Amino acid sequence: MSLMTEDPTIINLSAKPTKSQANFNRRIRKERGNRCEICGATTDQKPIEAHHILDRRAFPQFAKNPENIIVACQPCHSGLTDCIGDLEGQYLIPYGSLPLSIRKRVAIFIEQNAPNLTTLIQTLRRGRGYAKAVFWWRMEHKSLYPPETVIREYEKEDAAYEKWLASQGSNGQRAKLLPHI
């Protein structure tokens, strides 16, 4: 039995989406070509799913907002889903590893709808280097934010990685999300 009615003011505590939510997810996947926006996989290669950036149980008002969705294959979706509940910690790295076009789109959505998630917004704007700097600084210094000079070093390292990745002919697509630390 589902814990959610079609009334949008009722929060669905169930992990299983309602029929209406499943239809919405299917429509978004179809509109975006049934292709993983992260690695480019198609339904012929891997199951394609809809990832809610702002979790549909925590933010039910955005459950059916197309801007709250990243279409992802099952492995890429799994890497992002592990982030839920820790959008200020080590799991920022997969969000910082998303292709730039997705990061820009998601950053705008988060800024407009959950502006209190400032570290996530900065990660989306600045990328994986920023996420790594924040994570390691917190591990080593037990404080929230590293100095800008530390962030720039990580961003420089990440830019070198991106340059190498481009030289390998990846066309901006990631083979998979970077593993969690």
C-alpha atoms as a PDB file:
ATOM      1  CA  MET A   1       0.000   0.000   0.000  1.00  0.00           C
ATOM      2  CA  SER A   2       1.417   3.379  -1.000  1.00  0.00           C
ATOM      3  CA  LEU A   3       1.783   6.026   1.679  1.00  0.00           C
ATOM      4  CA  MET A   4       1.051   8.818  -0.806  1.00  0.00           C
ATOM      5  CA  THR A   5      -2.158  10.017  -2.333  1.00  0.00           C
ATOM      6  CA  GLU A   6      -2.231  12.176  -5.437  1.00  0.00           C
ATOM      7  CA  ASP A   7      -2.576  15.183  -3.126  1.00  0.00           C
ATOM      8  CA  PRO A   8       0.742  17.079  -3.563  1.00  0.00           C
ATOM      9  CA  THR A   9       0.664  18.235   0.066  1.00  0.00           C
ATOM     10  CA  ILE A  10       1.029  14.640   1.290  1.00  0.00           C
ATOM     11  CA  ILE A  11       4.629  13.437   1.615  1.00  0.00           C
ATOM     12  CA  ASN A  12       5.416  10.008   0.183  1.00  0.00           C
ATOM     13  CA  LEU A  13       7.512   8.185   2.784  1.00  0.00           C
ATOM     14  CA  SER A  14       7.626   5.075   0.641  1.00  0.00           C
ATOM     15  CA  ALA A  15      10.709   4.389  -1.459  1.00  0.00           C
ATOM     16  CA  LYS A  16       8.474   3.149  -4.273  1.00  0.00           C
ATOM     17  CA  PRO A  17       7.150   5.921  -6.538  1.00  0.00           C
ATOM     18  CA  THR A  18       3.425   6.281  -7.099  1.00  0.00           C
ATOM     19  CA  LYS A  19       1.930   5.417 -10.488  1.00  0.00           C
ATOM     20  CA  SER A  20       1.718   9.132 -11.269  1.00  0.00           C
ATOM     21  CA  GLN A  21       5.410   9.622 -10.322  1.00  0.00           C
ATOM     22  CA  ALA A  22       6.439   6.588 -12.387  1.00  0.00           C
ATOM     23  CA  ASN A  23       4.577   8.001 -15.421  1.00  0.00           C
ATOM     24  CA  PHE A  24       6.293  11.379 -14.913  1.00  0.00           C
ATOM     25  CA  ASN A  25       9.732   9.714 -14.678  1.00  0.00           C
ATOM     26  CA  ARG A  26       9.033   7.683 -17.832  1.00  0.00           C
ATOM     27  CA  ARG A  27       7.962  10.848 -19.729  1.00  0.00           C
ATOM     28  CA  ILE A  28      11.147  12.719 -18.718  1.00  0.00           C
ATOM     29  CA  ARG A  29      13.369   9.790 -19.720  1.00  0.00           C
ATOM     30  CA  LYS A  30      11.629   9.661 -23.110  1.00  0.00           C
ATOM     31  CA  GLU A  31      11.873  13.452 -23.623  1.00  0.00           C
ATOM     32  CA  ARG A  32      15.620  13.257 -22.992  1.00  0.00           C
ATOM     33  CA  GLY A  33      16.120  10.406 -25.439  1.00  0.00           C
ATOM     34  CA  ASN A  34      16.283   7.467 -22.984  1.00  0.00           C
ATOM     35  CA  ARG A  35      20.016   8.152 -22.749  1.00  0.00           C
ATOM     36  CA  CYS A  36      22.146   8.614 -19.644  1.00  0.00           C
ATOM     37  CA  GLU A  37      23.026  12.299 -19.397  1.00  0.00           C
ATOM     38  CA  ILE A  38      26.239  11.380 -17.578  1.00  0.00           C
ATOM     39  CA  CYS A  39      27.884   8.594 -19.588  1.00  0.00           C
ATOM     40  CA  GLY A  40      25.699   8.451 -22.717  1.00  0.00           C
ATOM     41  CA  ALA A  41      24.482   4.857 -22.243  1.00  0.00           C
ATOM     42  CA  THR A  42      21.191   3.948 -23.921  1.00  0.00           C
ATOM     43  CA  THR A  43      18.390   1.592 -22.904  1.00  0.00           C
ATOM     44  CA  ASP A  44      19.974  -1.046 -25.159  1.00  0.00           C
ATOM     45  CA  GLN A  45      23.077  -1.002 -22.954  1.00  0.00           C
ATOM     46  CA  LYS A  46      21.815  -0.359 -19.400  1.00  0.00           C
ATOM     47  CA  PRO A  47      18.558   0.366 -17.575  1.00  0.00           C
ATOM     48  CA  ILE A  48      17.839   4.118 -17.680  1.00  0.00           C
ATOM     49  CA  GLU A  49      16.386   5.799 -14.588  1.00  0.00           C
ATOM     50  CA  ALA A  50      15.349   9.239 -13.326  1.00  0.00           C
ATOM     51  CA  HIS A  51      17.444  10.694 -10.485  1.00  0.00           C
ATOM     52  CA  HIS A  52      15.837  13.358  -8.297  1.00  0.00           C
ATOM     53  CA  ILE A  53      18.454  15.964  -7.404  1.00  0.00           C
ATOM     54  CA  LEU A  54      16.418  17.141  -4.430  1.00  0.00           C
ATOM     55  CA  ASP A  55      15.096  13.876  -3.013  1.00  0.00           C
ATOM     56  CA  ARG A  56      11.388  13.466  -3.694  1.00  0.00           C
ATOM     57  CA  ARG A  57      10.696  12.412  -0.100  1.00  0.00           C
ATOM     58  CA  ALA A  58      12.541  15.348   1.453  1.00  0.00           C
ATOM     59  CA  PHE A  59      11.335  17.858  -1.174  1.00  0.00           C
ATOM     60  CA  PRO A  60       7.979  16.477  -2.410  1.00  0.00           C
ATOM     61  CA  GLN A  61       7.068  19.823  -3.985  1.00  0.00           C
ATOM     62  CA  PHE A  62       9.796  19.193  -6.621  1.00  0.00           C
ATOM     63  CA  ALA A  63       9.077  15.499  -7.245  1.00  0.00           C
ATOM     64  CA  LYS A  64       7.486  16.232 -10.631  1.00  0.00           C
ATOM     65  CA  ASN A  65       9.630  19.176 -11.666  1.00  0.00           C
ATOM     66  CA  PRO A  66      11.636  18.263 -14.819  1.00  0.00           C
ATOM     67  CA  GLU A  67      14.502  20.500 -13.676  1.00  0.00           C
ATOM     68  CA  ASN A  68      14.865  18.290 -10.585  1.00  0.00           C
ATOM     69  CA  ILE A  69      15.686  15.253 -12.734  1.00  0.00           C
ATOM     70  CA  ILE A  70      18.916  13.871 -14.138  1.00  0.00           C
ATOM     71  CA  VAL A  71      18.348  10.964 -16.524  1.00  0.00           C
ATOM     72  CA  ALA A  72      20.974   8.366 -15.660  1.00  0.00           C
ATOM     73  CA  CYS A  73      21.813   4.743 -16.296  1.00  0.00           C
ATOM     74  CA  GLN A  74      21.611   2.448 -13.294  1.00  0.00           C
ATOM     75  CA  PRO A  75      25.356   2.601 -12.384  1.00  0.00           C
ATOM     76  CA  CYS A  76      25.526   6.426 -12.685  1.00  0.00           C
ATOM     77  CA  HIS A  77      22.255   6.764 -10.780  1.00  0.00           C
ATOM     78  CA  SER A  78      23.617   4.569  -8.005  1.00  0.00           C
ATOM     79  CA  GLY A  79      26.657   6.856  -7.656  1.00  0.00           C
ATOM     80  CA  LEU A  80      24.400   9.885  -7.253  1.00  0.00           C
ATOM     81  CA  THR A  81      21.816   8.208  -5.023  1.00  0.00           C
ATOM     82  CA  ASP A  82      24.523   7.364  -2.494  1.00  0.00           C
ATOM     83  CA  CYS A  83      24.886  11.147  -2.050  1.00  0.00           C
ATOM     84  CA  ILE A  84      21.449  11.633  -0.516  1.00  0.00           C
ATOM     85  CA  GLY A  85      21.639  12.807   3.063  1.00  0.00           C
ATOM     86  CA  ASP A  86      25.225  14.048   2.803  1.00  0.00           C
ATOM     87  CA  LEU A  87      25.087  16.967   0.389  1.00  0.00           C
ATOM     88  CA  GLU A  88      27.671  18.812   2.462  1.00  0.00           C
ATOM     89  CA  GLY A  89      30.294  16.048   2.814  1.00  0.00           C
ATOM     90  CA  GLN A  90      32.338  13.583   0.780  1.00  0.00           C
ATOM     91  CA  TYR A  91      29.435  12.811  -1.504  1.00  0.00           C
ATOM     92  CA  LEU A  92      29.727  16.226  -3.103  1.00  0.00           C
ATOM     93  CA  ILE A  93      32.434  14.755  -5.334  1.00  0.00           C
ATOM     94  CA  PRO A  94      30.051  12.828  -7.658  1.00  0.00           C
ATOM     95  CA  TYR A  95      27.983  15.994  -8.149  1.00  0.00           C
ATOM     96  CA  GLY A  96      31.172  17.940  -8.908  1.00  0.00           C
ATOM     97  CA  SER A  97      32.083  15.221 -11.421  1.00  0.00           C
ATOM     98  CA  LEU A  98      28.951  15.670 -13.515  1.00  0.00           C
ATOM     99  CA  PRO A  99      29.397  17.094 -17.026  1.00  0.00           C
ATOM    100  CA  LEU A 100      29.480  20.909 -16.977  1.00  0.00           C
ATOM    101  CA  SER A 101      26.186  21.344 -18.847  1.00  0.00           C
ATOM    102  CA  ILE A 102      24.347  19.288 -16.212  1.00  0.00           C
ATOM    103  CA  ARG A 103      26.137  21.044 -13.329  1.00  0.00           C
ATOM    104  CA  LYS A 104      25.070  24.452 -14.691  1.00  0.00           C
ATOM    105  CA  ARG A 105      21.440  23.370 -15.113  1.00  0.00           C
ATOM    106  CA  VAL A 106      21.293  21.782 -11.661  1.00  0.00           C
ATOM    107  CA  ALA A 107      23.014  24.759  -9.973  1.00  0.00           C
ATOM    108  CA  ILE A 108      20.357  27.139 -11.297  1.00  0.00           C
ATOM    109  CA  PHE A 109      17.598  24.838 -10.058  1.00  0.00           C
ATOM    110  CA  ILE A 110      19.152  24.474  -6.577  1.00  0.00           C
ATOM    111  CA  GLU A 111      19.828  28.223  -6.266  1.00  0.00           C
ATOM    112  CA  GLN A 112      16.180  28.957  -7.010  1.00  0.00           C
ATOM    113  CA  ASN A 113      14.641  26.215  -4.885  1.00  0.00           C
ATOM    114  CA  ALA A 114      17.050  25.300  -2.066  1.00  0.00           C
ATOM    115  CA  PRO A 115      19.443  28.254  -1.698  1.00  0.00           C
ATOM    116  CA  ASN A 116      20.518  27.055   1.764  1.00  0.00           C
ATOM    117  CA  LEU A 117      22.509  24.215   0.123  1.00  0.00           C
ATOM    118  CA  THR A 118      25.391  26.610  -0.510  1.00  0.00           C
ATOM    119  CA  THR A 119      28.201  24.039  -0.595  1.00  0.00           C
ATOM    120  CA  LEU A 120      26.309  21.943  -3.130  1.00  0.00           C
ATOM    121  CA  ILE A 121      25.696  25.044  -5.258  1.00  0.00           C
ATOM    122  CA  GLN A 122      29.393  25.969  -5.157  1.00  0.00           C
ATOM    123  CA  THR A 123      30.334  22.381  -6.030  1.00  0.00           C
ATOM    124  CA  LEU A 124      28.054  22.491  -9.053  1.00  0.00           C
ATOM    125  CA  ARG A 125      29.393  25.892 -10.104  1.00  0.00           C
ATOM    126  CA  ARG A 126      33.090  25.099  -9.530  1.00  0.00           C
ATOM    127  CA  GLY A 127      33.333  21.338 -10.091  1.00  0.00           C
ATOM    128  CA  ARG A 128      35.093  18.342  -8.657  1.00  0.00           C
ATOM    129  CA  GLY A 129      38.209  20.275  -7.595  1.00  0.00           C
ATOM    130  CA  TYR A 130      36.108  22.398  -5.244  1.00  0.00           C
ATOM    131  CA  ALA A 131      34.338  19.331  -3.836  1.00  0.00           C
ATOM    132  CA  LYS A 132      37.649  17.576  -3.183  1.00  0.00           C
ATOM    133  CA  ALA A 133      39.098  20.656  -1.501  1.00  0.00           C
ATOM    134  CA  VAL A 134      36.090  20.960   0.816  1.00  0.00           C
ATOM    135  CA  PHE A 135      36.131  17.259   1.635  1.00  0.00           C
ATOM    136  CA  TRP A 136      39.858  17.019   2.436  1.00  0.00           C
ATOM    137  CA  TRP A 137      39.897  20.306   4.325  1.00  0.00           C
ATOM    138  CA  ARG A 138      37.087  19.078   6.551  1.00  0.00           C
ATOM    139  CA  MET A 139      38.883  15.776   7.124  1.00  0.00           C
ATOM    140  CA  GLU A 140      42.194  17.398   8.037  1.00  0.00           C
ATOM    141  CA  HIS A 141      41.113  20.599   9.788  1.00  0.00           C
ATOM    142  CA  LYS A 142      37.637  19.849  11.118  1.00  0.00           C
ATOM    143  CA  SER A 143      36.363  23.173   9.819  1.00  0.00           C
ATOM    144  CA  LEU A 144      33.804  23.799   7.117  1.00  0.00           C
ATOM    145  CA  TYR A 145      35.495  25.717   4.343  1.00  0.00           C
ATOM    146  CA  PRO A 146      39.067  25.751   3.044  1.00  0.00           C
ATOM    147  CA  PRO A 147      40.878  28.951   2.077  1.00  0.00           C
ATOM    148  CA  GLU A 148      40.553  30.007  -1.556  1.00  0.00           C
ATOM    149  CA  THR A 149      44.236  29.164  -2.194  1.00  0.00           C
ATOM    150  CA  VAL A 150      43.601  25.527  -1.243  1.00  0.00           C
ATOM    151  CA  ILE A 151      40.522  25.398  -3.445  1.00  0.00           C
ATOM    152  CA  ARG A 152      42.480  26.808  -6.413  1.00  0.00           C
ATOM    153  CA  GLU A 153      45.144  24.093  -6.062  1.00  0.00           C
ATOM    154  CA  TYR A 154      42.516  21.365  -6.231  1.00  0.00           C
ATOM    155  CA  GLU A 155      40.817  23.106  -9.147  1.00  0.00           C
ATOM    156  CA  LYS A 156      44.158  23.348 -10.974  1.00  0.00           C
ATOM    157  CA  GLU A 157      44.703  19.619 -10.451  1.00  0.00           C
ATOM    158  CA  ASP A 158      41.205  18.908 -11.698  1.00  0.00           C
ATOM    159  CA  ALA A 159      41.709  21.096 -14.796  1.00  0.00           C
ATOM    160  CA  ALA A 160      44.777  19.030 -15.680  1.00  0.00           C
ATOM    161  CA  TYR A 161      42.697  15.872 -15.309  1.00  0.00           C
ATOM    162  CA  GLU A 162      39.963  17.331 -17.546  1.00  0.00           C
ATOM    163  CA  LYS A 163      42.572  18.222 -20.174  1.00  0.00           C
ATOM    164  CA  TRP A 164      43.896  14.674 -20.081  1.00  0.00           C
ATOM    165  CA  LEU A 165      40.350  13.289 -20.271  1.00  0.00           C
ATOM    166  CA  ALA A 166      39.641  15.434 -23.356  1.00  0.00           C
ATOM    167  CA  SER A 167      42.822  14.152 -25.007  1.00  0.00           C
ATOM    168  CA  GLN A 168      41.466  10.623 -24.596  1.00  0.00           C
ATOM    169  CA  GLY A 169      38.501  11.457 -26.859  1.00  0.00           C
ATOM    170  CA  SER A 170      35.747  11.316 -24.233  1.00  0.00           C
ATOM    171  CA  ASN A 171      33.630  14.125 -25.841  1.00  0.00           C
ATOM    172  CA  GLY A 172      32.782  15.393 -22.358  1.00  0.00           C
ATOM    173  CA  GLN A 173      31.070  12.128 -21.413  1.00  0.00           C
ATOM    174  CA  ARG A 174      32.236  10.296 -18.319  1.00  0.00           C
ATOM    175  CA  ALA A 175      32.658   6.550 -18.574  1.00  0.00           C
ATOM    176  CA  LYS A 176      31.383   6.440 -15.010  1.00  0.00           C
ATOM    177  CA  LEU A 177      31.268   8.677 -11.977  1.00  0.00           C
ATOM    178  CA  LEU A 178      34.424   8.792  -9.920  1.00  0.00           C
ATOM    179  CA  PRO A 179      34.278   6.320  -7.034  1.00  0.00           C
ATOM    180  CA  HIS A 180      33.550   7.571  -3.555  1.00  0.00           C
ATOM    181  CA  ILE A 181      36.549   8.174  -1.327  1.00  0.00           C
END
